[in-house]
């Protein structure tokens, strides 16, 4: 019988929580909506960090842990709609 390795991490920068699980892969607990992956967290939050200090505080900078970006990780583009002769984002 193997013992599962579980650990919960909390990012001091964005306050997101990551449940690390050696058996099932990591699970990111977003403040709203369904849980996701480290690649989703990267696509929506972590990639936008600007300073080295911010990047050093981020718990999701390790490429080998976050994996490849998957379809649906990024926010979808919002289509432009025409409102009374002008274009506006919906």
PDB file of N, CA and C in Angstrom:
ATOM      1  N   UNK A   1       0.849  -1.185   0.000  1.00  0.00           N
ATOM      2  CA  UNK A   1       0.000   0.000   0.000  1.00  0.00           C
ATOM      3  C   UNK A   1       0.890   1.243   0.000  1.00  0.00           C
ATOM      4  N   UNK A   2       0.562   2.207  -0.850  1.00  0.00           N
ATOM      5  CA  UNK A   2       1.334   3.439  -0.905  1.00  0.00           C
ATOM      6  C   UNK A   2       0.609   4.534  -0.147  1.00  0.00           C
ATOM      7  N   UNK A   3       1.370   5.449   0.373  1.00  0.00           N
ATOM      8  CA  UNK A   3       0.809   6.573   1.100  1.00  0.00           C
ATOM      9  C   UNK A   3       0.755   7.765   0.164  1.00  0.00           C
ATOM     10  N   UNK A   4      -0.411   8.374   0.032  1.00  0.00           N
ATOM     11  CA  UNK A   4      -0.591   9.518  -0.836  1.00  0.00           C
ATOM     12  C   UNK A   4       0.067  10.743  -0.198  1.00  0.00           C
ATOM     13  N   UNK A   5       0.727  11.538  -1.020  1.00  0.00           N
ATOM     14  CA  UNK A   5       1.385  12.748  -0.545  1.00  0.00           C
ATOM     15  C   UNK A   5       0.522  13.945  -0.911  1.00  0.00           C
ATOM     16  N   UNK A   6      -0.072  14.585   0.083  1.00  0.00           N
ATOM     17  CA  UNK A   6      -0.916  15.757  -0.135  1.00  0.00           C
ATOM     18  C   UNK A   6      -0.345  16.933   0.635  1.00  0.00           C
ATOM     19  N   UNK A   7      -0.334  18.106   0.008  1.00  0.00           N
ATOM     20  CA  UNK A   7       0.108  19.307   0.674  1.00  0.00           C
ATOM     21  C   UNK A   7      -0.675  20.473   0.098  1.00  0.00           C
ATOM     22  N   UNK A   8      -1.073  21.410   0.957  1.00  0.00           N
ATOM     23  CA  UNK A   8      -1.784  22.583   0.473  1.00  0.00           C
ATOM     24  C   UNK A   8      -0.854  23.788   0.545  1.00  0.00           C
ATOM     25  N   UNK A   9      -0.726  24.484  -0.582  1.00  0.00           N
ATOM     26  CA  UNK A   9       0.106  25.676  -0.673  1.00  0.00           C
ATOM     27  C   UNK A   9      -0.791  26.894  -0.844  1.00  0.00           C
ATOM     28  N   UNK A  10      -0.367  28.015  -0.299  1.00  0.00           N
ATOM     29  CA  UNK A  10      -1.108  29.268  -0.473  1.00  0.00           C
ATOM     30  C   UNK A  10      -0.121  30.322  -0.959  1.00  0.00           C
ATOM     31  N   UNK A  11      -0.469  30.964  -2.057  1.00  0.00           N
ATOM     32  CA  UNK A  11       0.373  32.018  -2.611  1.00  0.00           C
ATOM     33  C   UNK A  11       0.154  33.305  -1.816  1.00  0.00           C
ATOM     34  N   UNK A  12       1.227  33.835  -1.275  1.00  0.00           N
ATOM     35  CA  UNK A  12       1.136  35.082  -0.512  1.00  0.00           C
ATOM     36  C   UNK A  12       0.795  36.272  -1.406  1.00  0.00           C
ATOM     37  N   UNK A  13       1.097  36.147  -2.670  1.00  0.00           N
ATOM     38  CA  UNK A  13       0.873  37.241  -3.608  1.00  0.00           C
ATOM     39  C   UNK A  13      -0.595  37.362  -4.020  1.00  0.00           C
ATOM     40  N   UNK A  14      -1.181  36.269  -4.518  1.00  0.00           N
ATOM     41  CA  UNK A  14      -2.562  36.335  -5.026  1.00  0.00           C
ATOM     42  C   UNK A  14      -3.570  35.601  -4.142  1.00  0.00           C
ATOM     43  N   UNK A  15      -3.096  34.936  -3.096  1.00  0.00           N
ATOM     44  CA  UNK A  15      -3.933  34.232  -2.124  1.00  0.00           C
ATOM     45  C   UNK A  15      -4.630  32.998  -2.683  1.00  0.00           C
ATOM     46  N   UNK A  16      -4.198  32.517  -3.832  1.00  0.00           N
ATOM     47  CA  UNK A  16      -4.768  31.302  -4.420  1.00  0.00           C
ATOM     48  C   UNK A  16      -4.239  30.101  -3.647  1.00  0.00           C
ATOM     49  N   UNK A  17      -5.001  29.024  -3.596  1.00  0.00           N
ATOM     50  CA  UNK A  17      -4.557  27.812  -2.923  1.00  0.00           C
ATOM     51  C   UNK A  17      -4.367  26.698  -3.944  1.00  0.00           C
ATOM     52  N   UNK A  18      -3.306  25.920  -3.745  1.00  0.00           N
ATOM     53  CA  UNK A  18      -3.019  24.780  -4.605  1.00  0.00           C
ATOM     54  C   UNK A  18      -2.912  23.548  -3.725  1.00  0.00           C
ATOM     55  N   UNK A  19      -3.742  22.558  -4.017  1.00  0.00           N
ATOM     56  CA  UNK A  19      -3.636  21.260  -3.351  1.00  0.00           C
ATOM     57  C   UNK A  19      -2.686  20.415  -4.181  1.00  0.00           C
ATOM     58  N   UNK A  20      -1.514  20.153  -3.639  1.00  0.00           N
ATOM     59  CA  UNK A  20      -0.555  19.293  -4.333  1.00  0.00           C
ATOM     60  C   UNK A  20      -0.864  17.856  -3.983  1.00  0.00           C
ATOM     61  N   UNK A  21      -1.020  17.031  -5.002  1.00  0.00           N
ATOM     62  CA  UNK A  21      -1.321  15.619  -4.804  1.00  0.00           C
ATOM     63  C   UNK A  21      -0.469  14.813  -5.769  1.00  0.00           C
ATOM     64  N   UNK A  22       0.425  14.032  -5.227  1.00  0.00           N
ATOM     65  CA  UNK A  22       1.349  13.257  -6.057  1.00  0.00           C
ATOM     66  C   UNK A  22       0.621  12.230  -6.916  1.00  0.00           C
ATOM     67  N   UNK A  23      -0.522  11.733  -6.468  1.00  0.00           N
ATOM     68  CA  UNK A  23      -1.250  10.693  -7.197  1.00  0.00           C
ATOM     69  C   UNK A  23      -2.141  11.246  -8.312  1.00  0.00           C
ATOM     70  N   UNK A  24      -2.825  12.357  -8.064  1.00  0.00           N
ATOM     71  CA  UNK A  24      -3.827  12.859  -9.006  1.00  0.00           C
ATOM     72  C   UNK A  24      -3.437  14.143  -9.710  1.00  0.00           C
ATOM     73  N   UNK A  25      -2.326  14.724  -9.363  1.00  0.00           N
ATOM     74  CA  UNK A  25      -1.948  16.007  -9.944  1.00  0.00           C
ATOM     75  C   UNK A  25      -2.456  17.155  -9.090  1.00  0.00           C
ATOM     76  N   UNK A  26      -1.921  18.318  -9.313  1.00  0.00           N
ATOM     77  CA  UNK A  26      -2.273  19.479  -8.502  1.00  0.00           C
ATOM     78  C   UNK A  26      -3.639  20.044  -8.874  1.00  0.00           C
ATOM     79  N   UNK A  27      -4.309  20.605  -7.882  1.00  0.00           N
ATOM     80  CA  UNK A  27      -5.639  21.190  -8.062  1.00  0.00           C
ATOM     81  C   UNK A  27      -5.602  22.615  -7.524  1.00  0.00           C
ATOM     82  N   UNK A  28      -5.940  23.581  -8.363  1.00  0.00           N
ATOM     83  CA  UNK A  28      -5.939  24.984  -7.978  1.00  0.00           C
ATOM     84  C   UNK A  28      -7.349  25.383  -7.565  1.00  0.00           C
ATOM     85  N   UNK A  29      -7.454  26.005  -6.385  1.00  0.00           N
ATOM     86  CA  UNK A  29      -8.736  26.462  -5.862  1.00  0.00           C
ATOM     87  C   UNK A  29      -8.853  27.957  -6.123  1.00  0.00           C
ATOM     88  N   UNK A  30      -9.607  28.309  -7.149  1.00  0.00           N
ATOM     89  CA  UNK A  30      -9.817  29.713  -7.480  1.00  0.00           C
ATOM     90  C   UNK A  30     -10.841  30.320  -6.531  1.00  0.00           C
ATOM     91  N   UNK A  31     -10.833  31.650  -6.386  1.00  0.00           N
ATOM     92  CA  UNK A  31     -11.776  32.306  -5.480  1.00  0.00           C
ATOM     93  C   UNK A  31     -13.214  32.197  -5.996  1.00  0.00           C
ATOM     94  N   UNK A  32     -13.372  32.021  -7.302  1.00  0.00           N
ATOM     95  CA  UNK A  32     -14.706  31.844  -7.893  1.00  0.00           C
ATOM     96  C   UNK A  32     -14.643  30.745  -8.939  1.00  0.00           C
ATOM     97  N   UNK A  33     -15.707  30.023  -9.070  1.00  0.00           N
ATOM     98  CA  UNK A  33     -15.799  29.013 -10.121  1.00  0.00           C
ATOM     99  C   UNK A  33     -15.170  27.692  -9.739  1.00  0.00           C
ATOM    100  N   UNK A  34     -15.054  26.860 -10.731  1.00  0.00           N
ATOM    101  CA  UNK A  34     -14.554  25.497 -10.538  1.00  0.00           C
ATOM    102  C   UNK A  34     -13.050  25.489 -10.276  1.00  0.00           C
ATOM    103  N   UNK A  35     -12.591  24.396  -9.726  1.00  0.00           N
ATOM    104  CA  UNK A  35     -11.156  24.217  -9.538  1.00  0.00           C
ATOM    105  C   UNK A  35     -10.489  24.091 -10.903  1.00  0.00           C
ATOM    106  N   UNK A  36      -9.182  24.276 -10.927  1.00  0.00           N
ATOM    107  CA  UNK A  36      -8.469  24.204 -12.185  1.00  0.00           C
ATOM    108  C   UNK A  36      -7.059  23.679 -11.996  1.00  0.00           C
ATOM    109  N   UNK A  37      -6.251  23.888 -12.995  1.00  0.00           N
ATOM    110  CA  UNK A  37      -4.884  23.386 -13.020  1.00  0.00           C
ATOM    111  C   UNK A  37      -3.894  24.536 -12.843  1.00  0.00           C
ATOM    112  N   UNK A  38      -2.633  24.169 -12.629  1.00  0.00           N
ATOM    113  CA  UNK A  38      -1.580  25.175 -12.552  1.00  0.00           C
ATOM    114  C   UNK A  38      -1.435  25.911 -13.884  1.00  0.00           C
ATOM    115  N   UNK A  39      -1.661  25.221 -15.006  1.00  0.00           N
ATOM    116  CA  UNK A  39      -1.544  25.898 -16.300  1.00  0.00           C
ATOM    117  C   UNK A  39      -2.654  26.936 -16.471  1.00  0.00           C
ATOM    118  N   UNK A  40      -3.831  26.664 -15.943  1.00  0.00           N
ATOM    119  CA  UNK A  40      -4.926  27.632 -15.999  1.00  0.00           C
ATOM    120  C   UNK A  40      -4.599  28.846 -15.129  1.00  0.00           C
ATOM    121  N   UNK A  41      -4.049  28.599 -13.943  1.00  0.00           N
ATOM    122  CA  UNK A  41      -3.630  29.686 -13.064  1.00  0.00           C
ATOM    123  C   UNK A  41      -2.579  30.549 -13.759  1.00  0.00           C
ATOM    124  N   UNK A  42      -1.629  29.911 -14.435  1.00  0.00           N
ATOM    125  CA  UNK A  42      -0.590  30.638 -15.158  1.00  0.00           C
ATOM    126  C   UNK A  42      -1.207  31.510 -16.257  1.00  0.00           C
ATOM    127  N   UNK A  43      -2.113  30.921 -17.042  1.00  0.00           N
ATOM    128  CA  UNK A  43      -2.705  31.633 -18.180  1.00  0.00           C
ATOM    129  C   UNK A  43      -3.559  32.816 -17.744  1.00  0.00           C
ATOM    130  N   UNK A  44      -4.145  32.734 -16.565  1.00  0.00           N
ATOM    131  CA  UNK A  44      -5.068  33.780 -16.114  1.00  0.00           C
ATOM    132  C   UNK A  44      -4.469  34.775 -15.127  1.00  0.00           C
ATOM    133  N   UNK A  45      -3.384  34.379 -14.441  1.00  0.00           N
ATOM    134  CA  UNK A  45      -2.853  35.248 -13.385  1.00  0.00           C
ATOM    135  C   UNK A  45      -1.334  35.408 -13.463  1.00  0.00           C
ATOM    136  N   UNK A  46      -0.616  34.328 -13.261  1.00  0.00           N
ATOM    137  CA  UNK A  46       0.825  34.367 -13.006  1.00  0.00           C
ATOM    138  C   UNK A  46       1.658  34.965 -14.133  1.00  0.00           C
ATOM    139  N   UNK A  47       1.257  34.780 -15.375  1.00  0.00           N
ATOM    140  CA  UNK A  47       2.059  35.285 -16.495  1.00  0.00           C
ATOM    141  C   UNK A  47       2.104  36.809 -16.540  1.00  0.00           C
ATOM    142  N   UNK A  48       1.203  37.472 -15.836  1.00  0.00           N
ATOM    143  CA  UNK A  48       1.126  38.926 -15.879  1.00  0.00           C
ATOM    144  C   UNK A  48       1.981  39.618 -14.815  1.00  0.00           C
ATOM    145  N   UNK A  49       2.688  38.857 -14.004  1.00  0.00           N
ATOM    146  CA  UNK A  49       3.558  39.460 -13.002  1.00  0.00           C
ATOM    147  C   UNK A  49       4.664  40.235 -13.694  1.00  0.00           C
ATOM    148  N   UNK A  50       5.006  41.399 -13.175  1.00  0.00           N
ATOM    149  CA  UNK A  50       5.952  42.286 -13.848  1.00  0.00           C
ATOM    150  C   UNK A  50       7.343  42.264 -13.234  1.00  0.00           C
ATOM    151  N   UNK A  51       7.443  42.341 -11.926  1.00  0.00           N
ATOM    152  CA  UNK A  51       8.748  42.515 -11.290  1.00  0.00           C
ATOM    153  C   UNK A  51       9.350  41.179 -10.849  1.00  0.00           C
ATOM    154  N   UNK A  52      10.656  41.174 -10.684  1.00  0.00           N
ATOM    155  CA  UNK A  52      11.343  39.980 -10.185  1.00  0.00           C
ATOM    156  C   UNK A  52      10.873  39.642  -8.777  1.00  0.00           C
ATOM    157  N   UNK A  53      10.565  40.665  -7.983  1.00  0.00           N
ATOM    158  CA  UNK A  53      10.071  40.453  -6.620  1.00  0.00           C
ATOM    159  C   UNK A  53       8.724  39.715  -6.643  1.00  0.00           C
ATOM    160  N   UNK A  54       7.825  40.124  -7.526  1.00  0.00           N
ATOM    161  CA  UNK A  54       6.538  39.444  -7.669  1.00  0.00           C
ATOM    162  C   UNK A  54       6.742  38.004  -8.102  1.00  0.00           C
ATOM    163  N   UNK A  55       7.595  37.797  -9.093  1.00  0.00           N
ATOM    164  CA  UNK A  55       7.845  36.450  -9.607  1.00  0.00           C
ATOM    165  C   UNK A  55       8.458  35.553  -8.543  1.00  0.00           C
ATOM    166  N   UNK A  56       9.308  36.116  -7.695  1.00  0.00           N
ATOM    167  CA  UNK A  56       9.925  35.337  -6.618  1.00  0.00           C
ATOM    168  C   UNK A  56       8.904  34.928  -5.567  1.00  0.00           C
ATOM    169  N   UNK A  57       7.841  35.715  -5.400  1.00  0.00           N
ATOM    170  CA  UNK A  57       6.796  35.411  -4.421  1.00  0.00           C
ATOM    171  C   UNK A  57       5.763  34.422  -4.943  1.00  0.00           C
ATOM    172  N   UNK A  58       5.675  34.277  -6.261  1.00  0.00           N
ATOM    173  CA  UNK A  58       4.676  33.420  -6.899  1.00  0.00           C
ATOM    174  C   UNK A  58       5.041  31.945  -6.740  1.00  0.00           C
ATOM    175  N   UNK A  59       4.084  31.119  -6.351  1.00  0.00           N
ATOM    176  CA  UNK A  59       4.339  29.685  -6.167  1.00  0.00           C
ATOM    177  C   UNK A  59       4.102  28.881  -7.443  1.00  0.00           C
ATOM    178  N   UNK A  60       3.837  29.574  -8.558  1.00  0.00           N
ATOM    179  CA  UNK A  60       3.518  28.876  -9.802  1.00  0.00           C
ATOM    180  C   UNK A  60       4.459  29.276 -10.941  1.00  0.00           C
ATOM    181  N   UNK A  61       5.719  29.484 -10.641  1.00  0.00           N
ATOM    182  CA  UNK A  61       6.679  29.874 -11.660  1.00  0.00           C
ATOM    183  C   UNK A  61       7.435  28.689 -12.253  1.00  0.00           C
ATOM    184  N   UNK A  62       7.359  27.530 -11.636  1.00  0.00           N
ATOM    185  CA  UNK A  62       8.089  26.343 -12.091  1.00  0.00           C
ATOM    186  C   UNK A  62       7.377  25.716 -13.301  1.00  0.00           C
ATOM    187  N   UNK A  63       7.996  25.824 -14.471  1.00  0.00           N
ATOM    188  CA  UNK A  63       7.411  25.313 -15.712  1.00  0.00           C
ATOM    189  C   UNK A  63       7.131  23.816 -15.622  1.00  0.00           C
ATOM    190  N   UNK A  64       7.996  23.075 -14.964  1.00  0.00           N
ATOM    191  CA  UNK A  64       7.817  21.623 -14.888  1.00  0.00           C
ATOM    192  C   UNK A  64       6.601  21.230 -14.050  1.00  0.00           C
ATOM    193  N   UNK A  65       6.165  22.088 -13.141  1.00  0.00           N
ATOM    194  CA  UNK A  65       4.984  21.787 -12.320  1.00  0.00           C
ATOM    195  C   UNK A  65       3.687  22.213 -12.986  1.00  0.00           C
ATOM    196  N   UNK A  66       3.724  23.298 -13.758  1.00  0.00           N
ATOM    197  CA  UNK A  66       2.464  23.797 -14.323  1.00  0.00           C
ATOM    198  C   UNK A  66       2.084  23.115 -15.622  1.00  0.00           C
ATOM    199  N   UNK A  67       3.022  22.537 -16.315  1.00  0.00           N
ATOM    200  CA  UNK A  67       2.697  21.790 -17.519  1.00  0.00           C
ATOM    201  C   UNK A  67       2.318  22.665 -18.700  1.00  0.00           C
ATOM    202  N   UNK A  68       1.777  22.027 -19.706  1.00  0.00           N
ATOM    203  CA  UNK A  68       1.408  22.682 -20.953  1.00  0.00           C
ATOM    204  C   UNK A  68       0.043  23.336 -20.833  1.00  0.00           C
ATOM    205  N   UNK A  69      -0.076  24.515 -21.403  1.00  0.00           N
ATOM    206  CA  UNK A  69      -1.365  25.204 -21.416  1.00  0.00           C
ATOM    207  C   UNK A  69      -2.365  24.398 -22.227  1.00  0.00           C
ATOM    208  N   UNK A  70      -3.566  24.267 -21.703  1.00  0.00           N
ATOM    209  CA  UNK A  70      -4.614  23.473 -22.330  1.00  0.00           C
ATOM    210  C   UNK A  70      -5.718  24.380 -22.861  1.00  0.00           C
ATOM    211  N   UNK A  71      -6.500  23.889 -23.835  1.00  0.00           N
ATOM    212  CA  UNK A  71      -7.653  24.674 -24.305  1.00  0.00           C
ATOM    213  C   UNK A  71      -8.572  24.984 -23.124  1.00  0.00           C
ATOM    214  N   UNK A  72      -9.020  26.219 -23.051  1.00  0.00           N
ATOM    215  CA  UNK A  72      -9.903  26.635 -21.967  1.00  0.00           C
ATOM    216  C   UNK A  72      -9.176  27.249 -20.783  1.00  0.00           C
ATOM    217  N   UNK A  73      -7.845  27.198 -20.785  1.00  0.00           N
ATOM    218  CA  UNK A  73      -7.090  27.797 -19.685  1.00  0.00           C
ATOM    219  C   UNK A  73      -7.192  29.319 -19.699  1.00  0.00           C
ATOM    220  N   UNK A  74      -7.101  29.894 -20.870  1.00  0.00           N
ATOM    221  CA  UNK A  74      -7.198  31.362 -20.983  1.00  0.00           C
ATOM    222  C   UNK A  74      -8.661  31.796 -20.981  1.00  0.00           C
ATOM    223  N   UNK A  75      -8.889  33.049 -20.622  1.00  0.00           N
ATOM    224  CA  UNK A  75     -10.226  33.606 -20.757  1.00  0.00           C
ATOM    225  C   UNK A  75     -10.559  33.691 -22.235  1.00  0.00           C
ATOM    226  N   UNK A  76     -11.797  33.466 -22.579  1.00  0.00           N
ATOM    227  CA  UNK A  76     -12.223  33.561 -23.969  1.00  0.00           C
ATOM    228  C   UNK A  76     -12.292  35.021 -24.392  1.00  0.00           C
ATOM    229  N   UNK A  77     -11.979  35.252 -25.656  1.00  0.00           N
ATOM    230  CA  UNK A  77     -12.103  36.596 -26.215  1.00  0.00           C
ATOM    231  C   UNK A  77     -13.579  36.973 -26.267  1.00  0.00           C
ATOM    232  N   UNK A  78     -13.868  38.209 -25.952  1.00  0.00           N
ATOM    233  CA  UNK A  78     -15.240  38.691 -25.997  1.00  0.00           C
ATOM    234  C   UNK A  78     -15.482  39.339 -27.356  1.00  0.00           C
ATOM    235  N   UNK A  79     -16.542  38.923 -28.011  1.00  0.00           N
ATOM    236  CA  UNK A  79     -16.861  39.460 -29.337  1.00  0.00           C
ATOM    237  C   UNK A  79     -17.376  40.890 -29.218  1.00  0.00           C
ATOM    238  N   UNK A  80     -17.056  41.691 -30.220  1.00  0.00           N
ATOM    239  CA  UNK A  80     -17.570  43.049 -30.269  1.00  0.00           C
ATOM    240  C   UNK A  80     -19.017  43.014 -30.735  1.00  0.00           C
ATOM    241  N   UNK A  81     -19.840  43.863 -30.143  1.00  0.00           N
ATOM    242  CA  UNK A  81     -21.239  43.981 -30.568  1.00  0.00           C
ATOM    243  C   UNK A  81     -21.503  45.428 -30.956  1.00  0.00           C
ATOM    244  N   UNK A  82     -22.412  45.611 -31.882  1.00  0.00           N
ATOM    245  CA  UNK A  82     -22.747  46.954 -32.313  1.00  0.00           C
ATOM    246  C   UNK A  82     -23.937  47.464 -31.515  1.00  0.00           C
ATOM    247  N   UNK A  83     -23.761  48.654 -30.917  1.00  0.00           N
ATOM    248  CA  UNK A  83     -24.808  49.271 -30.118  1.00  0.00           C
ATOM    249  C   UNK A  83     -25.093  50.652 -30.685  1.00  0.00           C
ATOM    250  N   UNK A  84     -26.246  50.818 -31.289  1.00  0.00           N
ATOM    251  CA  UNK A  84     -26.676  52.090 -31.857  1.00  0.00           C
ATOM    252  C   UNK A  84     -25.594  52.735 -32.716  1.00  0.00           C
ATOM    253  N   UNK A  85     -25.040  51.965 -33.640  1.00  0.00           N
ATOM    254  CA  UNK A  85     -24.099  52.510 -34.598  1.00  0.00           C
ATOM    255  C   UNK A  85     -22.648  52.560 -34.131  1.00  0.00           C
ATOM    256  N   UNK A  86     -22.384  52.195 -32.900  1.00  0.00           N
ATOM    257  CA  UNK A  86     -21.000  52.171 -32.413  1.00  0.00           C
ATOM    258  C   UNK A  86     -20.669  50.761 -31.952  1.00  0.00           C
ATOM    259  N   UNK A  87     -19.409  50.449 -31.952  1.00  0.00           N
ATOM    260  CA  UNK A  87     -19.014  49.131 -31.468  1.00  0.00           C
ATOM    261  C   UNK A  87     -18.598  49.243 -30.001  1.00  0.00           C
ATOM    262  N   UNK A  88     -19.032  48.262 -29.233  1.00  0.00           N
ATOM    263  CA  UNK A  88     -18.658  48.204 -27.819  1.00  0.00           C
ATOM    264  C   UNK A  88     -18.423  46.748 -27.449  1.00  0.00           C
ATOM    265  N   UNK A  89     -17.572  46.540 -26.462  1.00  0.00           N
ATOM    266  CA  UNK A  89     -17.346  45.170 -26.003  1.00  0.00           C
ATOM    267  C   UNK A  89     -18.511  44.739 -25.124  1.00  0.00           C
ATOM    268  N   UNK A  90     -18.899  43.471 -25.275  1.00  0.00           N
ATOM    269  CA  UNK A  90     -20.008  42.975 -24.455  1.00  0.00           C
ATOM    270  C   UNK A  90     -19.484  42.471 -23.145  1.00  0.00           C
TER     271      UNK A  90
END
